[in-house]
N, C-alpha and C. Protein backbone atom coordinates (compact mmCIF):
# COMPACT_ATOMS: atom_id res chain seq x y z
N MET A 1 48.25 46.83 14.50
CA MET A 1 48.18 47.64 15.94
C MET A 1 47.40 48.29 16.06
N ILE A 2 47.18 48.42 17.46
CA ILE A 2 45.81 49.34 18.09
C ILE A 2 46.87 49.81 19.34
N LEU A 3 46.19 51.22 19.33
CA LEU A 3 46.94 51.96 21.19
C LEU A 3 45.67 51.46 21.45
N ALA A 4 45.29 51.25 22.81
CA ALA A 4 44.81 50.43 23.64
C ALA A 4 45.12 50.74 25.41
N LYS A 5 44.20 51.02 25.96
CA LYS A 5 44.50 51.08 27.25
C LYS A 5 43.90 49.91 28.69
N VAL A 6 44.81 49.65 29.06
CA VAL A 6 44.15 48.61 29.85
C VAL A 6 43.32 48.71 31.06
N ILE A 7 42.12 48.14 30.84
CA ILE A 7 41.12 48.16 32.17
C ILE A 7 40.78 46.73 32.92
N GLY A 8 41.62 46.19 32.64
CA GLY A 8 41.02 45.08 33.70
C GLY A 8 41.98 43.94 33.00
N HIS A 9 41.88 42.94 33.91
CA HIS A 9 42.58 40.99 33.73
C HIS A 9 41.00 40.20 33.73
N VAL A 10 41.58 39.30 33.12
CA VAL A 10 40.24 38.78 32.80
C VAL A 10 41.37 37.04 33.47
N VAL A 11 40.57 36.21 34.45
CA VAL A 11 40.68 35.44 34.95
C VAL A 11 40.31 33.90 34.13
N ALA A 12 40.98 33.58 34.29
CA ALA A 12 40.48 32.10 33.14
C ALA A 12 40.73 30.83 33.84
N THR A 13 40.45 30.00 34.59
CA THR A 13 40.90 28.66 35.04
C THR A 13 41.27 27.43 34.18
N GLN A 14 40.62 27.65 33.05
CA GLN A 14 40.93 26.24 32.08
C GLN A 14 40.87 27.36 30.55
N LYS A 15 42.65 27.23 30.25
CA LYS A 15 42.72 27.45 28.72
C LYS A 15 42.92 26.09 28.26
N CYS A 16 43.21 26.77 27.13
CA CYS A 16 43.46 26.10 25.34
C CYS A 16 45.59 25.68 25.97
N GLN A 17 46.08 24.51 25.32
CA GLN A 17 47.25 24.31 25.76
C GLN A 17 47.97 25.33 25.35
N GLU A 18 48.18 26.92 24.28
CA GLU A 18 48.60 27.68 23.82
C GLU A 18 48.65 29.02 24.90
N LEU A 19 47.55 28.71 25.71
CA LEU A 19 47.71 29.57 26.68
C LEU A 19 47.79 29.74 27.77
N SER A 20 48.32 28.29 28.06
CA SER A 20 49.20 27.91 29.67
C SER A 20 49.90 29.08 29.54
N GLY A 21 49.70 29.71 31.89
CA GLY A 21 51.16 30.36 31.90
C GLY A 21 51.08 31.47 31.12
N SER A 22 49.40 31.66 30.22
CA SER A 22 49.81 33.42 29.70
C SER A 22 48.67 34.23 30.71
N ASN A 23 49.11 35.88 31.38
CA ASN A 23 47.95 36.22 31.92
C ASN A 23 47.68 37.16 30.34
N LEU A 24 45.95 37.01 30.83
CA LEU A 24 44.84 38.08 30.27
C LEU A 24 44.78 39.41 30.33
N LEU A 25 44.42 40.68 29.22
CA LEU A 25 44.03 42.04 30.37
C LEU A 25 42.43 42.12 29.36
N MET A 26 42.19 42.74 29.68
CA MET A 26 40.69 43.28 28.82
C MET A 26 41.50 44.53 29.12
N VAL A 27 41.54 44.70 27.21
CA VAL A 27 42.07 46.43 26.77
C VAL A 27 40.65 46.90 26.39
N ALA A 28 40.75 48.42 26.81
CA ALA A 28 39.80 49.23 25.05
C ALA A 28 40.72 50.29 23.87
N ALA A 29 40.14 49.86 23.04
CA ALA A 29 40.93 50.53 21.87
C ALA A 29 40.50 51.88 22.51
N LEU A 30 42.23 52.88 21.61
CA LEU A 30 41.68 54.21 22.03
C LEU A 30 41.59 55.22 20.60
N GLY A 31 40.85 56.53 21.10
CA GLY A 31 41.14 57.04 19.54
C GLY A 31 41.83 57.80 19.18
N ASP A 32 41.83 59.20 18.65
CA ASP A 32 42.92 59.69 17.97
C ASP A 32 42.97 60.77 19.51
N ASP A 33 42.28 60.63 20.36
CA ASP A 33 42.38 61.96 20.93
C ASP A 33 42.58 61.23 22.34
N LEU A 34 43.35 59.89 22.35
CA LEU A 34 43.51 58.87 23.23
C LEU A 34 42.45 58.22 24.17
N GLU A 35 41.39 58.79 24.03
CA GLU A 35 40.49 58.34 24.84
C GLU A 35 39.53 56.75 24.69
N PRO A 36 39.26 55.88 25.12
CA PRO A 36 38.49 54.55 24.83
C PRO A 36 37.30 54.74 24.13
N LEU A 37 37.62 54.27 23.01
CA LEU A 37 36.46 53.99 22.67
C LEU A 37 35.24 53.10 22.70
N LYS A 38 33.90 53.09 22.49
CA LYS A 38 32.52 52.82 22.85
C LYS A 38 32.78 51.33 21.81
N ASP A 39 32.37 50.09 22.63
CA ASP A 39 31.93 49.38 21.86
C ASP A 39 33.81 48.56 21.22
N ARG A 40 34.85 48.96 21.96
CA ARG A 40 35.71 48.20 21.41
C ARG A 40 36.68 48.06 22.17
N THR A 41 36.01 46.92 23.10
CA THR A 41 36.80 46.26 24.19
C THR A 41 37.99 44.74 23.90
N TYR A 42 38.67 44.52 24.19
CA TYR A 42 39.42 43.22 23.48
C TYR A 42 39.75 42.54 24.56
N VAL A 43 39.80 41.09 24.44
CA VAL A 43 41.09 40.47 25.37
C VAL A 43 42.38 39.65 25.36
N ALA A 44 43.32 40.53 25.17
CA ALA A 44 44.56 40.43 25.09
C ALA A 44 45.48 39.80 25.83
N VAL A 45 46.53 38.74 25.31
CA VAL A 45 47.64 37.66 26.04
C VAL A 45 48.83 39.04 26.43
N ASP A 46 49.05 39.55 27.48
CA ASP A 46 49.82 39.97 28.22
C ASP A 46 51.29 39.43 27.74
N SER A 47 52.47 40.03 27.25
CA SER A 47 53.53 39.42 26.51
C SER A 47 54.67 40.23 27.18
N VAL A 48 54.26 41.42 27.70
CA VAL A 48 55.28 42.89 28.45
C VAL A 48 55.09 43.01 30.23
N GLY A 49 54.19 42.48 30.37
CA GLY A 49 54.12 42.61 31.79
C GLY A 49 53.39 44.53 32.26
N ALA A 50 52.32 44.87 31.48
CA ALA A 50 51.42 45.70 31.60
C ALA A 50 50.72 45.26 32.55
N GLY A 51 49.85 46.35 33.34
CA GLY A 51 49.35 46.60 34.15
C GLY A 51 48.30 47.76 34.30
N ILE A 52 47.17 47.64 34.67
CA ILE A 52 45.63 48.67 35.14
C ILE A 52 46.42 50.16 34.34
N ASN A 53 45.57 50.61 33.35
CA ASN A 53 45.41 51.95 32.99
C ASN A 53 46.85 52.41 32.50
N ASP A 54 47.31 51.39 32.24
CA ASP A 54 48.46 50.93 30.79
C ASP A 54 48.07 51.40 29.98
N ILE A 55 49.29 52.21 29.11
CA ILE A 55 48.68 52.60 27.69
C ILE A 55 49.32 51.73 26.54
N VAL A 56 49.11 50.33 25.93
CA VAL A 56 49.50 49.76 25.53
C VAL A 56 49.27 49.77 23.51
N LEU A 57 50.42 49.16 22.80
CA LEU A 57 50.08 48.80 21.84
C LEU A 57 49.62 46.97 21.45
N ALA A 58 49.34 46.99 21.16
CA ALA A 58 48.36 45.48 20.81
C ALA A 58 47.84 45.06 19.37
N GLU A 59 48.45 44.28 19.50
CA GLU A 59 48.82 43.31 17.86
C GLU A 59 47.59 42.35 17.58
N ALA A 60 47.49 42.13 16.71
CA ALA A 60 46.06 40.97 16.02
C ALA A 60 47.14 39.51 15.66
N TYR A 61 47.04 38.43 16.07
CA TYR A 61 47.76 37.36 15.82
C TYR A 61 49.00 37.76 16.54
N PHE A 62 49.62 38.00 16.68
CA PHE A 62 50.75 38.22 17.26
C PHE A 62 51.22 36.54 18.35
N ALA A 63 50.30 36.24 19.26
CA ALA A 63 50.81 35.53 20.25
C ALA A 63 50.55 33.58 19.69
N LEU A 64 49.71 33.60 19.13
CA LEU A 64 48.82 32.40 18.88
C LEU A 64 48.98 31.56 17.33
N ASN A 65 48.30 30.64 17.02
CA ASN A 65 48.37 30.03 15.43
C ASN A 65 47.11 30.86 14.99
N LYS A 66 47.88 31.69 14.18
CA LYS A 66 46.35 32.72 13.44
C LYS A 66 45.65 31.42 12.43
N ASP A 67 45.74 30.65 11.84
CA ASP A 67 44.84 29.09 11.34
C ASP A 67 43.52 28.90 12.56
N LYS A 68 44.34 29.39 13.28
CA LYS A 68 43.02 28.30 14.65
C LYS A 68 42.81 29.21 15.18
N TYR A 69 43.13 30.53 15.88
CA TYR A 69 42.65 31.30 17.02
C TYR A 69 42.94 33.28 16.24
N LYS A 70 41.75 33.10 16.77
CA LYS A 70 41.65 35.17 16.26
C LYS A 70 42.13 35.41 18.09
N ALA A 71 42.93 36.23 17.81
CA ALA A 71 43.90 36.54 19.51
C ALA A 71 44.54 37.66 18.94
N MET A 72 44.46 38.05 20.24
CA MET A 72 45.47 40.50 20.30
C MET A 72 46.35 39.44 21.22
N SER A 73 47.53 40.26 21.33
CA SER A 73 48.54 40.25 22.01
C SER A 73 49.13 41.69 22.55
N VAL A 74 49.29 41.44 23.90
CA VAL A 74 50.60 43.33 24.17
C VAL A 74 52.02 42.98 23.38
N VAL A 75 52.12 44.11 23.05
CA VAL A 75 53.50 44.13 22.82
C VAL A 75 54.49 45.23 23.19
N ALA A 76 54.06 45.97 23.72
CA ALA A 76 54.90 47.44 23.80
C ALA A 76 53.99 48.15 25.01
N ILE A 77 54.83 48.43 26.27
CA ILE A 77 53.94 49.53 27.25
C ILE A 77 54.73 50.63 26.41
N VAL A 78 53.27 51.73 25.85
CA VAL A 78 53.64 52.91 25.85
C VAL A 78 53.71 53.92 26.74
N GLU A 79 55.05 54.99 26.74
CA GLU A 79 55.57 55.62 27.46
C GLU A 79 55.13 57.25 27.38
N LYS A 80 54.60 57.66 25.95
CA LYS A 80 54.14 59.19 25.20
C LYS A 80 54.05 58.63 23.78
N VAL A 81 53.12 59.46 23.82
CA VAL A 81 52.31 59.28 22.43
C VAL A 81 52.11 61.25 21.91
N TYR A 82 53.13 61.13 20.42
CA TYR A 82 53.01 62.69 19.96
C TYR A 82 52.28 62.73 19.03
N THR A 83 51.31 63.08 19.29
CA THR A 83 50.52 64.43 18.05
C THR A 83 50.90 65.42 17.45
N LYS A 84 50.40 65.35 16.58
CA LYS A 84 50.39 67.10 15.81
C LYS A 84 48.58 68.04 16.43
N GLU A 85 48.87 69.22 16.95
CA GLU A 85 48.22 69.82 17.50
C GLU A 85 47.49 70.68 16.44
């Protein structure tokens, strides 16, 4: 799983059957400082109703057949992250 920030929506007019009815989000992986990491942007299936600027947990292979697709799914909206300072 990765912590990520929702940075956009992806609109796809034609999708495979497994994605039919799914919302797609653009997410940026976050570093230990909770800032987006450069060149670590993904498209993920939204399964929790996340919105722009939400911090989320994203899981690889959660939404689709892992033998056929390399997918990522948003599985939680994060309210707070506690770190040792």
